[in-house]
Amino acid sequence: MADTLTKERPSSTVQALNCPNCGGTIALRAAGNTVSIVCEHCGSTLDATRPDLQLIAQADVAMRRPEIALGTRGTLAGVAWEVVGYQERTDGEVAWGEYLLFNPYEGYAFLTDDGRRFSLGRLLAAMPDHSGAGLTLDGREFKHFGTTYPVRVVFVVGEFYWRVAVGETVNETDFVRSGTMLACEESGRERTWTALEMQDWGVAERAFGLEPRVKSYRGTPAPHEPSPYRKAMRDALLIGALALAACLVIAIGTGGSSRILQRQLLIPQDGPPQTAVLGPIEIPSARERVRVRGASFALDNQWLDLDYSLVNRRTQQAYAATAVAETYRGRDSDGAWSEGDPSPDTGFAAIPRGTYDLVVEAKANKWIDPAAPAPVTGIFGTAEPVAPLGDRVPVTVTVDRGGGFAGPFFLALLALLIWPLIAWGRHASFEHRRMAPVMHAGSDDEDDDE
């Protein structure tokens, strides 16, 4: 089979004949297979089954020249083809060209040109199978595209294996998948199926000696045009997934923390700020996370201001942070309520290696209503007494090193998702435009004439 695909056709099959209408010389390239031939000089349709090329229809009009000249040879899909005919067709909205290709061992094929890209079409030897709303052929599924629409011939030249003429109309129904279209054409009781495989950019141009066309994906793509963003989307998703997995491994590997210090301090209620120096705090690794927590669960309608300074003993470099431990409760028309965080966390990111002291400055506060009789009631109207002035509020300060920050992790996750999301968006936009419904002109003859 591989040898058959690459065989060249014999060079002596072309017959020179004269047009009975204008006398011009016509090259008959597929003698014995051609049914009708359109003179390239005057446009007359001739009966190629008669040795005298009997005139079928006369058309003394100036002939347009197809971009690929008749008689041009080129190799596509491993087969050497010769251009023997050309027609232009329209569905009332857009027009395209179709070159009829011939190879004496392979028969006929179609090379369609939509102005942007080429597709190579071969007639199907077997009917595709119905599968839901689409079709299945050779294990591949095809979606029904649009509606059945009329296709009319508006220009023709060259030789064909059927009788073709300007004005010939068929009804076409398309089924598509990325890269391939199944086109069903019906005329009366006759039905033909053609599988059109879209060619890569430049392949048909190189095969038939045309200038390469500029790649452009703007506008509406062909219904069976492969998305140029599919591979980029898959690569982005794969690389993004691998990067995300690496981040998770790093986060898990560095997520453990160890406690290096714990002290309890007693802070006078409504007294002056108290300062305590806690240490030493050893940071053995470079750029490590340090977390400080001040927990005071004895607070009741009170708050505790906490100022931290992590000071390097050798360099005196200080890293400062603040926190507020607070607890409030009360009762209103909706019932009892409470709020506040009695044990706030404070984090220091990327602390350099070294020995540190933690300087803690704390001040305990409560509100006293000067108009209220003793025992003093809280700010939110609770009838329960608060601690009397002079009592001390206990606060437990703990220091942990290691672990990770959720914020940077989610920022990294967002950064990793940007590229896959952009690639997916471009691919989805292309697929939406590719499968967008096409509004064809009506199938009535009156509509076509208008």
Protein backbone atom coordinates (compact mmCIF):
# COMPACT_ATOMS: atom_id res chain seq x y z
CA MET A 1 0.00 0.00 0.00
CA ALA A 2 2.89 2.36 0.80
CA ASP A 3 4.32 1.83 -2.70
CA THR A 4 0.96 2.63 -4.27
CA LEU A 5 0.73 5.97 -2.48
CA THR A 6 3.98 7.31 -3.91
CA LYS A 7 3.63 6.15 -7.54
CA GLU A 8 3.72 8.88 -10.16
CA ARG A 9 1.09 8.85 -12.91
CA PRO A 10 2.28 8.08 -16.46
CA SER A 11 3.34 11.19 -18.38
CA SER A 12 1.59 10.25 -21.66
CA THR A 13 -2.07 10.33 -20.56
CA VAL A 14 -2.77 13.95 -21.59
CA GLN A 15 -4.75 14.32 -24.84
CA ALA A 16 -4.87 17.61 -26.78
CA LEU A 17 -8.34 18.36 -28.17
CA ASN A 18 -10.03 21.40 -29.67
CA CYS A 19 -13.07 23.19 -28.28
CA PRO A 20 -15.92 23.03 -30.84
CA ASN A 21 -17.11 26.47 -29.74
CA CYS A 22 -13.97 28.63 -29.78
CA GLY A 23 -11.37 26.32 -31.33
CA GLY A 24 -9.06 26.62 -28.35
CA THR A 25 -6.80 23.71 -27.41
CA ILE A 26 -7.97 21.71 -24.39
CA ALA A 27 -5.80 19.27 -22.46
CA LEU A 28 -7.83 16.18 -21.46
CA ARG A 29 -5.90 14.78 -18.50
CA ALA A 30 -8.14 11.98 -17.20
CA ALA A 31 -9.47 10.43 -20.39
CA GLY A 32 -11.88 7.59 -19.69
CA ASN A 33 -12.75 9.05 -16.28
CA THR A 34 -13.87 12.55 -17.27
CA VAL A 35 -17.58 13.07 -18.00
CA SER A 36 -17.61 16.81 -18.71
CA ILE A 37 -14.97 19.42 -19.33
CA VAL A 38 -15.26 23.19 -19.18
CA CYS A 39 -13.19 25.02 -21.78
CA GLU A 40 -10.68 27.29 -20.11
CA HIS A 41 -10.78 29.69 -23.06
CA CYS A 42 -14.48 30.38 -23.49
CA GLY A 43 -16.21 28.67 -20.57
CA SER A 44 -18.29 26.26 -22.68
CA THR A 45 -19.28 22.96 -21.07
CA LEU A 46 -18.34 20.00 -23.28
CA ASP A 47 -19.26 16.33 -23.23
CA ALA A 48 -15.98 14.50 -22.65
CA THR A 49 -17.61 11.12 -23.28
CA ARG A 50 -17.88 12.00 -27.01
CA PRO A 51 -14.74 11.91 -29.15
CA ASP A 52 -15.73 15.22 -30.79
CA LEU A 53 -16.28 17.01 -27.47
CA GLN A 54 -19.90 17.79 -28.26
CA LEU A 55 -21.02 21.17 -26.93
CA ILE A 56 -23.34 20.90 -23.89
CA ALA A 57 -23.61 24.55 -22.93
CA GLN A 58 -22.07 27.60 -24.54
CA ALA A 59 -20.67 30.43 -22.38
CA ASP A 60 -18.66 33.07 -24.20
CA VAL A 61 -17.33 34.74 -21.07
CA ALA A 62 -13.89 35.81 -19.91
CA MET A 63 -12.39 32.98 -17.91
CA ARG A 64 -10.92 33.55 -14.47
CA ARG A 65 -7.71 31.74 -13.76
CA PRO A 66 -7.58 29.63 -10.57
CA GLU A 67 -4.67 30.26 -8.23
CA ILE A 68 -3.37 26.75 -8.95
CA ALA A 69 -3.24 26.33 -12.70
CA LEU A 70 -4.85 23.29 -14.31
CA GLY A 71 -2.26 20.60 -14.95
CA THR A 72 -0.17 21.51 -11.88
CA ARG A 73 1.14 18.49 -10.02
CA GLY A 74 1.84 18.21 -6.32
CA THR A 75 2.19 15.60 -3.58
CA LEU A 76 -0.18 15.56 -0.61
CA ALA A 77 -0.54 12.77 1.96
CA GLY A 78 2.06 10.76 0.05
CA VAL A 79 0.10 10.78 -3.22
CA ALA A 80 1.11 12.60 -6.44
CA TRP A 81 -1.93 14.57 -7.60
CA GLU A 82 -2.67 16.59 -10.73
CA VAL A 83 -5.14 19.48 -10.80
CA VAL A 84 -7.71 18.68 -13.51
CA GLY A 85 -10.65 20.89 -12.54
CA TYR A 86 -11.63 23.89 -10.48
CA GLN A 87 -14.94 25.25 -9.25
CA GLU A 88 -16.06 28.03 -6.97
CA ARG A 89 -19.06 27.49 -4.71
CA THR A 90 -21.05 29.56 -2.23
CA ASP A 91 -23.59 28.99 0.52
CA GLY A 92 -24.99 32.48 0.16
CA GLU A 93 -22.75 33.88 2.90
CA VAL A 94 -19.21 32.81 2.05
CA ALA A 95 -17.51 31.43 -1.06
CA TRP A 96 -14.66 28.98 -1.45
CA GLY A 97 -12.71 27.22 -4.17
CA GLU A 98 -12.47 23.49 -4.85
CA TYR A 99 -9.73 21.95 -6.95
CA LEU A 100 -10.43 18.50 -8.41
CA LEU A 101 -7.29 16.35 -8.10
CA PHE A 102 -6.61 13.16 -10.02
CA ASN A 103 -4.22 10.25 -9.68
CA PRO A 104 -4.68 7.20 -11.96
CA TYR A 105 -4.02 4.80 -9.06
CA GLU A 106 -5.88 6.66 -6.31
CA GLY A 107 -8.72 8.22 -8.27
CA TYR A 108 -10.07 11.67 -7.38
CA ALA A 109 -9.70 14.00 -4.42
CA PHE A 110 -10.71 17.56 -3.61
CA LEU A 111 -8.50 20.39 -2.41
CA THR A 112 -10.73 23.07 -0.88
CA ASP A 113 -9.50 26.63 -0.33
CA ASP A 114 -11.42 28.90 2.04
CA GLY A 115 -9.03 31.79 1.45
CA ARG A 116 -7.03 31.04 4.58
CA ARG A 117 -6.27 27.33 4.64
CA PHE A 118 -6.56 24.23 2.48
CA SER A 119 -8.32 20.93 3.21
CA LEU A 120 -7.84 17.66 1.36
CA GLY A 121 -11.10 15.78 0.73
CA ARG A 122 -11.62 12.13 -0.18
CA LEU A 123 -14.92 10.42 -0.94
CA LEU A 124 -15.94 7.90 1.72
CA ALA A 125 -16.27 4.29 0.67
CA ALA A 126 -18.47 3.45 3.69
CA MET A 127 -21.21 5.32 5.49
CA PRO A 128 -20.38 6.76 8.93
CA ASP A 129 -22.36 5.44 11.90
CA HIS A 130 -24.89 7.55 13.78
CA SER A 131 -23.94 8.30 17.39
CA GLY A 132 -26.46 10.37 19.33
CA ALA A 133 -26.67 13.77 17.67
CA GLY A 134 -23.46 13.15 15.70
CA LEU A 135 -21.59 10.52 13.73
CA THR A 136 -18.80 8.02 14.32
CA LEU A 137 -16.21 7.11 11.69
CA ASP A 138 -13.19 4.87 12.35
CA GLY A 139 -13.73 5.30 16.08
CA ARG A 140 -13.75 9.10 15.86
CA GLU A 141 -16.78 11.11 16.91
CA PHE A 142 -18.09 14.06 14.89
CA LYS A 143 -20.51 16.76 16.06
CA HIS A 144 -23.35 18.03 13.92
CA PHE A 145 -22.47 21.56 12.83
CA GLY A 146 -25.16 24.09 12.02
CA THR A 147 -28.06 23.18 9.75
CA THR A 148 -28.43 21.79 6.26
CA TYR A 149 -27.78 24.56 3.72
CA PRO A 150 -27.75 24.97 -0.08
CA VAL A 151 -24.42 25.15 -1.92
CA ARG A 152 -24.34 26.59 -5.44
CA VAL A 153 -21.65 26.52 -8.15
CA VAL A 154 -20.76 30.03 -9.34
CA PHE A 155 -17.71 29.30 -11.50
CA VAL A 156 -16.21 26.18 -13.05
CA VAL A 157 -13.34 25.29 -15.37
CA GLY A 158 -11.54 22.07 -16.28
CA GLU A 159 -12.68 18.45 -16.39
CA PHE A 160 -14.89 16.55 -13.96
CA TYR A 161 -16.15 13.01 -13.47
CA TRP A 162 -19.73 14.31 -13.29
CA ARG A 163 -21.69 16.83 -15.33
CA VAL A 164 -21.11 20.17 -13.62
CA ALA A 165 -22.37 23.62 -14.56
CA VAL A 166 -22.73 27.07 -13.06
CA GLY A 167 -25.91 27.19 -11.00
CA GLU A 168 -25.76 23.54 -9.93
CA THR A 169 -27.07 23.36 -6.35
CA VAL A 170 -26.85 20.66 -3.68
CA ASN A 171 -27.86 20.57 -0.02
CA GLU A 172 -24.96 20.07 2.38
CA THR A 173 -24.85 18.90 6.00
CA ASP A 174 -21.61 19.06 7.98
CA PHE A 175 -20.25 17.06 10.91
CA VAL A 176 -16.99 18.22 12.43
CA ARG A 177 -14.22 17.45 14.86
CA SER A 178 -10.89 19.19 15.30
CA GLY A 179 -9.00 18.76 12.02
CA THR A 180 -11.68 16.87 10.05
CA MET A 181 -15.07 17.58 8.49
CA LEU A 182 -17.56 15.07 7.10
CA ALA A 183 -19.62 16.79 4.40
CA CYS A 184 -22.82 15.13 3.17
CA GLU A 185 -24.12 16.46 -0.17
CA GLU A 186 -27.58 15.58 -1.42
CA SER A 187 -29.06 16.24 -4.84
CA GLY A 188 -32.31 14.47 -5.63
CA ARG A 189 -31.81 10.84 -4.68
CA GLU A 190 -28.02 11.03 -4.84
CA ARG A 191 -25.99 11.39 -1.65
CA THR A 192 -22.21 11.59 -1.31
CA TRP A 193 -19.98 11.76 1.75
CA THR A 194 -16.59 13.49 1.75
CA ALA A 195 -14.00 13.53 4.53
CA LEU A 196 -12.01 16.79 4.53
CA GLU A 197 -8.71 16.80 6.42
CA MET A 198 -7.35 20.28 7.12
CA GLN A 199 -3.74 20.68 5.98
CA ASP A 200 -1.08 22.28 8.12
CA TRP A 201 -0.07 25.82 7.25
CA GLY A 202 2.12 25.87 4.13
CA VAL A 203 1.76 22.18 3.18
CA ALA A 204 -0.55 22.65 0.17
CA GLU A 205 1.30 25.82 -0.84
CA ARG A 206 4.62 23.99 -0.97
CA ALA A 207 3.07 21.05 -2.81
CA PHE A 208 1.64 23.20 -5.63
CA GLY A 209 4.17 26.01 -5.75
CA LEU A 210 2.14 28.79 -4.10
CA GLU A 211 3.38 31.60 -1.91
CA PRO A 212 2.97 30.66 1.77
CA ARG A 213 0.03 32.32 3.46
CA VAL A 214 0.39 34.40 6.60
CA LYS A 215 -0.78 32.61 9.72
CA SER A 216 -3.76 34.38 11.21
CA TYR A 217 -6.33 33.17 13.71
CA ARG A 218 -8.45 36.31 13.80
CA GLY A 219 -12.03 36.23 12.70
CA THR A 220 -14.13 33.10 12.38
CA PRO A 221 -12.12 29.88 11.92
CA ALA A 222 -13.25 26.98 9.77
CA PRO A 223 -15.61 24.57 11.59
CA HIS A 224 -12.97 21.83 11.53
CA GLU A 225 -9.91 24.03 12.13
CA PRO A 226 -7.72 22.70 14.98
CA SER A 227 -7.18 25.12 17.85
CA PRO A 228 -3.66 26.59 17.71
CA TYR A 229 -3.84 27.02 21.49
CA ARG A 230 -4.62 23.40 22.40
CA LYS A 231 -0.98 22.31 22.72
CA ALA A 232 -0.05 25.48 24.64
CA MET A 233 -2.98 24.88 26.97
CA ARG A 234 -1.98 21.27 27.60
CA ASP A 235 1.66 22.24 28.17
CA ALA A 236 0.62 25.03 30.53
CA LEU A 237 -1.68 22.73 32.49
CA LEU A 238 1.02 20.05 32.71
CA ILE A 239 3.77 22.44 33.79
CA GLY A 240 1.39 24.20 36.17
CA ALA A 241 0.40 20.86 37.74
CA LEU A 242 4.06 19.86 38.15
CA ALA A 243 4.93 23.24 39.66
CA LEU A 244 1.95 23.02 42.00
CA ALA A 245 3.01 19.53 43.07
CA ALA A 246 6.53 20.82 43.74
CA CYS A 247 5.12 23.69 45.84
CA LEU A 248 3.01 21.25 47.83
CA VAL A 249 6.03 19.01 48.46
CA ILE A 250 8.06 22.03 49.59
CA ALA A 251 5.19 23.28 51.75
CA ILE A 252 4.75 19.87 53.37
CA GLY A 253 8.49 19.40 53.81
CA THR A 254 8.93 22.79 55.41
CA GLY A 255 5.55 22.93 57.11
CA GLY A 256 6.66 21.46 60.43
CA SER A 257 7.35 23.85 63.29
CA SER A 258 9.17 23.45 66.60
CA ARG A 259 8.61 25.32 69.85
CA ILE A 260 11.72 27.09 71.08
CA LEU A 261 10.37 29.24 73.92
CA GLN A 262 7.35 29.56 76.26
CA ARG A 263 6.96 32.05 79.13
CA GLN A 264 4.08 33.32 81.23
CA LEU A 265 3.89 37.02 82.09
CA LEU A 266 1.61 38.78 84.58
CA ILE A 267 0.53 42.19 83.36
CA PRO A 268 -1.02 44.67 85.86
CA GLN A 269 -4.58 45.62 84.97
CA ASP A 270 -4.69 49.27 83.78
CA GLY A 271 -1.13 49.69 84.93
CA PRO A 272 1.84 51.08 82.97
CA PRO A 273 3.27 49.03 80.07
CA GLN A 274 5.41 46.12 81.21
CA THR A 275 8.56 45.04 79.34
CA ALA A 276 10.09 41.58 79.39
CA VAL A 277 13.11 40.23 77.54
CA LEU A 278 12.74 36.57 76.59
CA GLY A 279 15.53 34.46 75.19
CA PRO A 280 17.76 33.20 73.90
CA ILE A 281 16.01 32.24 70.65
CA GLU A 282 18.23 30.25 68.30
CA ILE A 283 17.56 30.38 64.54
CA PRO A 284 19.87 27.74 63.03
CA SER A 285 18.77 28.04 59.40
CA ALA A 286 18.86 30.99 57.05
CA ARG A 287 15.61 32.78 56.30
CA GLU A 288 13.36 30.92 58.69
CA ARG A 289 9.85 31.75 59.79
CA VAL A 290 9.27 32.70 63.45
CA ARG A 291 5.77 32.75 64.94
CA VAL A 292 4.90 34.48 68.22
CA ARG A 293 1.62 33.92 70.03
CA GLY A 294 0.34 35.82 73.06
CA ALA A 295 -2.53 33.94 74.73
CA SER A 296 -4.61 35.42 77.56
CA PHE A 297 -7.78 33.43 78.13
CA ALA A 298 -8.57 35.29 81.41
CA LEU A 299 -9.67 38.42 79.52
CA ASP A 300 -13.28 39.44 80.09
CA ASN A 301 -14.40 42.64 78.32
CA GLN A 302 -10.73 43.55 78.30
CA TRP A 303 -7.90 43.85 75.83
CA LEU A 304 -4.14 43.39 75.96
CA ASP A 305 -1.79 45.45 73.74
CA LEU A 306 1.31 43.44 72.77
CA ASP A 307 4.37 44.91 71.06
CA TYR A 308 7.13 42.50 69.96
CA SER A 309 10.72 43.14 68.88
CA LEU A 310 12.90 40.26 67.77
CA VAL A 311 16.47 41.54 68.29
CA ASN A 312 19.63 39.89 66.96
CA ARG A 313 22.12 39.74 69.82
CA ARG A 314 25.16 40.21 67.58
CA THR A 315 23.95 42.85 65.11
CA GLN A 316 21.12 44.41 67.17
CA GLN A 317 18.98 44.17 64.05
CA ALA A 318 15.36 44.32 65.25
CA TYR A 319 12.16 43.00 63.66
CA ALA A 320 8.99 44.56 65.11
CA ALA A 321 5.34 43.47 65.16
CA THR A 322 2.20 44.17 67.19
CA ALA A 323 -0.87 42.22 68.27
CA VAL A 324 -4.00 42.70 70.38
CA ALA A 325 -5.50 39.96 72.56
CA GLU A 326 -9.14 40.80 73.35
CA THR A 327 -12.40 39.28 74.52
CA TYR A 328 -15.79 41.01 74.71
CA ARG A 329 -19.18 39.72 75.63
CA GLY A 330 -22.59 41.07 76.47
CA ARG A 331 -26.30 40.81 75.89
CA ASP A 332 -28.67 42.77 73.67
CA SER A 333 -32.13 42.36 72.16
CA ASP A 334 -30.92 39.37 70.16
CA GLY A 335 -29.52 37.62 73.21
CA ALA A 336 -26.00 36.91 74.47
CA TRP A 337 -22.99 37.51 72.21
CA SER A 338 -19.21 37.39 72.38
CA GLU A 339 -16.30 38.30 70.09
CA GLY A 340 -12.54 38.83 70.02
CA ASP A 341 -9.38 36.74 69.77
CA PRO A 342 -7.67 36.00 73.11
CA SER A 343 -4.61 34.37 71.47
CA PRO A 344 -3.50 36.26 68.34
CA ASP A 345 -0.63 34.96 66.18
CA THR A 346 2.14 37.19 64.86
CA GLY A 347 4.57 35.98 62.22
CA PHE A 348 8.08 37.06 61.21
CA ALA A 349 9.04 35.88 57.73
CA ALA A 350 12.55 34.97 56.58
CA ILE A 351 14.49 35.68 59.78
CA PRO A 352 18.26 35.28 59.21
CA ARG A 353 20.33 32.73 61.09
CA GLY A 354 21.45 33.88 64.56
CA THR A 355 20.68 34.21 68.29
CA TYR A 356 17.81 36.53 69.21
CA ASP A 357 15.97 38.01 72.18
CA LEU A 358 12.25 38.67 72.11
CA VAL A 359 11.39 41.98 73.74
CA VAL A 360 7.73 42.00 74.80
CA GLU A 361 5.96 45.20 75.86
CA ALA A 362 2.43 44.53 77.17
CA LYS A 363 -0.34 46.68 78.60
CA ALA A 364 -3.67 45.39 79.98
CA ASN A 365 -6.74 47.58 79.54
CA LYS A 366 -10.35 47.59 80.70
CA TRP A 367 -13.15 50.09 80.47
CA ILE A 368 -14.81 51.52 83.61
CA ASP A 369 -18.08 53.43 83.51
CA PRO A 370 -17.51 56.35 85.94
CA ALA A 371 -21.26 56.79 86.43
CA ALA A 372 -21.84 53.17 87.36
CA PRO A 373 -21.97 52.14 91.07
CA ALA A 374 -19.69 49.48 92.43
CA PRO A 375 -19.27 46.72 91.52
CA VAL A 376 -18.14 48.16 88.21
CA THR A 377 -20.04 46.95 85.16
CA GLY A 378 -18.43 46.35 81.84
CA ILE A 379 -18.65 48.49 78.76
CA PHE A 380 -21.23 46.26 77.15
CA GLY A 381 -23.71 46.23 80.01
CA THR A 382 -23.00 42.89 81.61
CA ALA A 383 -24.11 42.74 85.21
CA GLU A 384 -21.14 40.58 86.21
CA PRO A 385 -18.27 42.38 87.97
CA VAL A 386 -14.90 42.74 86.26
CA ALA A 387 -11.56 42.27 87.96
CA PRO A 388 -10.78 45.02 90.45
CA LEU A 389 -8.03 47.53 89.77
CA GLY A 390 -4.58 46.20 90.62
CA ASP A 391 -5.21 42.59 89.58
CA ARG A 392 -2.79 41.05 87.10
CA VAL A 393 -3.72 39.57 83.75
CA PRO A 394 -1.77 36.39 82.83
CA VAL A 395 -0.47 36.08 79.27
CA THR A 396 1.47 33.12 77.89
CA VAL A 397 4.00 33.99 75.18
CA THR A 398 5.15 31.14 72.93
CA VAL A 399 7.71 31.25 70.12
CA ASP A 400 7.81 28.66 67.32
CA ARG A 401 10.13 28.48 64.33
CA GLY A 402 9.61 26.79 60.97
CA GLY A 403 6.38 26.13 59.11
CA GLY A 404 5.02 28.08 56.18
CA PHE A 405 2.78 31.01 55.49
CA ALA A 406 -0.57 30.40 53.83
CA GLY A 407 -0.45 33.81 52.13
CA PRO A 408 2.73 33.25 50.08
CA PHE A 409 1.56 29.74 49.20
CA PHE A 410 -1.71 31.02 47.76
CA LEU A 411 0.10 33.84 45.97
CA ALA A 412 2.41 31.25 44.41
CA LEU A 413 -0.62 29.15 43.50
CA LEU A 414 -2.26 32.15 41.84
CA ALA A 415 0.93 32.94 39.92
CA LEU A 416 1.14 29.34 38.74
CA LEU A 417 -2.47 29.43 37.52
CA ILE A 418 -2.13 32.62 35.47
CA TRP A 419 -0.46 30.97 32.46
CA PRO A 420 -2.78 27.91 32.33
CA LEU A 421 -5.83 30.15 32.73
CA ILE A 422 -4.72 32.43 29.89
CA ALA A 423 -3.96 29.44 27.64
CA TRP A 424 -7.27 27.80 28.49
CA GLY A 425 -9.13 31.07 27.87
CA ARG A 426 -7.60 31.52 24.42
CA HIS A 427 -8.34 27.91 23.51
CA ALA A 428 -11.93 28.17 24.79
CA SER A 429 -12.45 31.41 22.86
CA PHE A 430 -11.17 29.80 19.64
CA GLU A 431 -13.38 26.74 20.11
CA HIS A 432 -16.40 28.97 20.77
CA ARG A 433 -15.77 30.88 17.53
CA ARG A 434 -15.13 27.64 15.63
CA MET A 435 -18.41 26.06 16.69
CA ALA A 436 -20.47 29.26 16.54
CA PRO A 437 -23.63 28.74 14.46
CA VAL A 438 -23.53 30.11 10.92
CA MET A 439 -26.58 31.91 9.53
CA HIS A 440 -26.96 30.74 5.94
CA ALA A 441 -29.11 32.36 3.33
CA GLY A 442 -32.50 30.80 2.75
CA SER A 443 -32.73 27.76 0.56
CA ASP A 444 -35.46 29.22 -1.69
CA ASP A 445 -34.45 30.13 -5.22
CA GLU A 446 -35.99 33.59 -4.76
CA ASP A 447 -33.70 34.25 -1.82
CA ASP A 448 -30.68 33.11 -3.85
CA ASP A 449 -31.61 35.36 -6.73
CA GLU A 450 -31.94 38.32 -4.41
